Amino acid sequence: MAVIDASVYVTMLDANDPERANCLAWFTTAATTDETIVAPSLILSEVAAAISRGRGDAELAKAIVRTLEESAVVNLVAVTPQLAKRAGVIAADQRVRGADAVYLALAQQLGDVLVTLDRQQLQRGAAVAQTQHP
């Protein structure tokens, strides 16, 4: 099982991103080996914001979010008060952004690896959960 960060998902959609091939390769391998991929429901707003702001296309962002919501590969996990509290502690202790702490808290809670392109999550987050570059 693996927790996917929004950075990986957004990069898979960007044909100009030099990390795209790595992200697609990891995702394809995970999906075809029946590895369970999970993400906090927060990924929906993060992906929408990245696509809408980056491409200036709100309708495209909404369509991509609908696809993610209906995905048979990525399982969304609700951000419960318990998960949010743990994320708050992680954000404070590890000095990572609040949203990034939610992904780390979920990986920690599930005992899974967090797959991310974010350097702070990779480095600082390793103190609380296993982190990995795609």
Protein backbone atom coordinates (compact mmCIF):
# COMPACT_ATOMS: atom_id res chain seq x y z
CA MET A 1 0.00 0.00 0.00
CA ALA A 2 1.13 3.55 -0.68
CA VAL A 3 -0.14 7.06 -0.01
CA ILE A 4 0.11 9.27 -3.10
CA ASP A 5 0.80 12.97 -2.70
CA ALA A 6 -0.93 15.50 -4.94
CA SER A 7 2.46 16.47 -6.37
CA VAL A 8 2.79 13.05 -7.97
CA TYR A 9 -0.75 13.03 -9.36
CA VAL A 10 -0.47 16.55 -10.82
CA THR A 11 2.92 15.77 -12.36
CA MET A 12 1.48 12.74 -14.16
CA LEU A 13 -0.86 15.15 -15.96
CA ASP A 14 1.85 17.57 -17.09
CA ALA A 15 3.48 16.48 -20.34
CA ASN A 16 6.18 19.15 -19.88
CA ASP A 17 7.28 18.10 -16.39
CA PRO A 18 10.64 16.29 -16.37
CA GLU A 19 9.43 14.07 -13.48
CA ARG A 20 6.36 12.90 -15.40
CA ALA A 21 7.94 9.67 -16.68
CA ASN A 22 9.02 8.65 -13.16
CA CYS A 23 5.58 9.38 -11.75
CA LEU A 24 3.77 7.52 -14.52
CA ALA A 25 6.11 4.53 -14.21
CA TRP A 26 5.56 4.31 -10.45
CA PHE A 27 1.78 4.73 -10.76
CA THR A 28 1.50 2.18 -13.58
CA THR A 29 3.55 -0.38 -11.68
CA ALA A 30 1.52 0.16 -8.51
CA ALA A 31 -1.78 -0.08 -10.39
CA THR A 32 -0.86 -3.16 -12.39
CA THR A 33 0.52 -5.05 -9.38
CA ASP A 34 -2.69 -4.43 -7.46
CA GLU A 35 -0.93 -2.26 -4.91
CA THR A 36 -3.48 -0.23 -3.02
CA ILE A 37 -2.99 3.48 -3.56
CA VAL A 38 -4.64 5.81 -1.07
CA ALA A 39 -4.83 9.55 -0.61
CA PRO A 40 -6.52 11.84 1.87
CA SER A 41 -9.66 13.43 0.41
CA LEU A 42 -7.69 16.68 0.61
CA ILE A 43 -6.03 15.62 -2.66
CA LEU A 44 -9.16 16.72 -4.52
CA SER A 45 -8.79 20.39 -3.62
CA GLU A 46 -5.03 20.30 -4.04
CA VAL A 47 -5.24 18.83 -7.53
CA ALA A 48 -8.04 21.23 -8.49
CA ALA A 49 -6.03 24.23 -7.32
CA ALA A 50 -2.84 23.11 -9.06
CA ILE A 51 -4.58 22.49 -12.37
CA SER A 52 -6.79 25.57 -12.26
CA ARG A 53 -3.98 27.91 -11.24
CA GLY A 54 -1.32 26.30 -13.40
CA ARG A 55 -3.35 26.01 -16.58
CA GLY A 56 -5.91 28.73 -15.99
CA ASP A 57 -8.72 26.28 -16.72
CA ALA A 58 -11.27 25.74 -13.96
CA GLU A 59 -13.39 23.37 -16.05
CA LEU A 60 -10.41 21.12 -16.77
CA ALA A 61 -9.58 21.11 -13.06
CA LYS A 62 -13.14 20.07 -12.18
CA ALA A 63 -13.10 17.29 -14.80
CA ILE A 64 -9.81 15.94 -13.45
CA VAL A 65 -11.18 16.00 -9.91
CA ARG A 66 -14.26 14.04 -11.05
CA THR A 67 -11.97 11.46 -12.64
CA LEU A 68 -9.98 11.19 -9.43
CA GLU A 69 -13.17 10.86 -7.37
CA GLU A 70 -14.33 7.98 -9.57
CA SER A 71 -10.92 6.31 -9.76
CA ALA A 72 -10.81 2.58 -9.20
CA VAL A 73 -7.07 2.89 -8.49
CA VAL A 74 -6.81 5.73 -5.95
CA ASN A 75 -8.85 5.21 -2.78
CA LEU A 76 -9.79 8.41 -0.98
CA VAL A 77 -9.68 8.50 2.82
CA ALA A 78 -11.66 11.07 4.80
CA VAL A 79 -9.73 13.56 6.88
CA THR A 80 -11.17 12.74 10.28
CA PRO A 81 -10.68 14.88 13.39
CA GLN A 82 -8.22 12.26 14.65
CA LEU A 83 -6.18 12.41 11.43
CA ALA A 84 -6.30 16.22 11.46
CA LYS A 85 -5.05 16.33 15.06
CA ARG A 86 -2.16 14.01 14.24
CA ALA A 87 -1.35 16.15 11.19
CA GLY A 88 -1.26 19.22 13.43
CA VAL A 89 1.35 17.61 15.66
CA ILE A 90 3.38 16.51 12.64
CA ALA A 91 3.19 19.99 11.08
CA ALA A 92 4.47 21.57 14.29
CA ASP A 93 7.16 19.01 15.07
CA GLN A 94 8.50 18.54 11.55
CA ARG A 95 7.93 22.11 10.31
CA VAL A 96 6.03 21.05 7.19
CA ARG A 97 3.03 22.71 5.54
CA GLY A 98 -0.36 21.78 6.96
CA ALA A 99 -1.61 19.93 3.89
CA ASP A 100 1.68 18.05 3.62
CA ALA A 101 1.29 16.95 7.22
CA VAL A 102 -2.09 15.38 6.40
CA TYR A 103 -0.46 13.08 3.84
CA LEU A 104 2.28 12.19 6.33
CA ALA A 105 -0.25 11.53 9.08
CA LEU A 106 -2.21 9.21 6.80
CA ALA A 107 0.94 7.30 5.81
CA GLN A 108 1.87 7.00 9.47
CA GLN A 109 -1.63 5.90 10.49
CA LEU A 110 -1.74 3.20 7.80
CA GLY A 111 1.91 2.17 8.21
CA ASP A 112 2.43 2.91 4.52
CA VAL A 113 4.96 4.75 2.42
CA LEU A 114 4.22 8.30 1.24
CA VAL A 115 5.17 8.73 -2.42
CA THR A 116 5.91 12.39 -3.09
CA LEU A 117 7.99 14.83 -5.08
CA ASP A 118 8.00 17.36 -2.25
CA ARG A 119 11.49 17.69 -0.75
CA GLN A 120 10.24 18.75 2.68
CA GLN A 121 7.88 15.78 2.88
CA LEU A 122 10.67 13.45 1.73
CA GLN A 123 13.25 14.78 4.16
CA ARG A 124 11.41 16.07 7.21
CA GLY A 125 8.54 13.63 6.88
CA ALA A 126 10.89 10.66 7.07
CA ALA A 127 10.97 11.20 10.83
CA VAL A 128 7.33 10.07 11.10
CA ALA A 129 6.65 7.86 8.08
CA GLN A 130 8.49 6.13 5.28
CA THR A 131 8.79 8.50 2.32
CA GLN A 132 9.77 7.75 -1.23
CA HIS A 133 10.37 9.52 -4.52
CA PRO A 134 8.37 7.88 -7.36
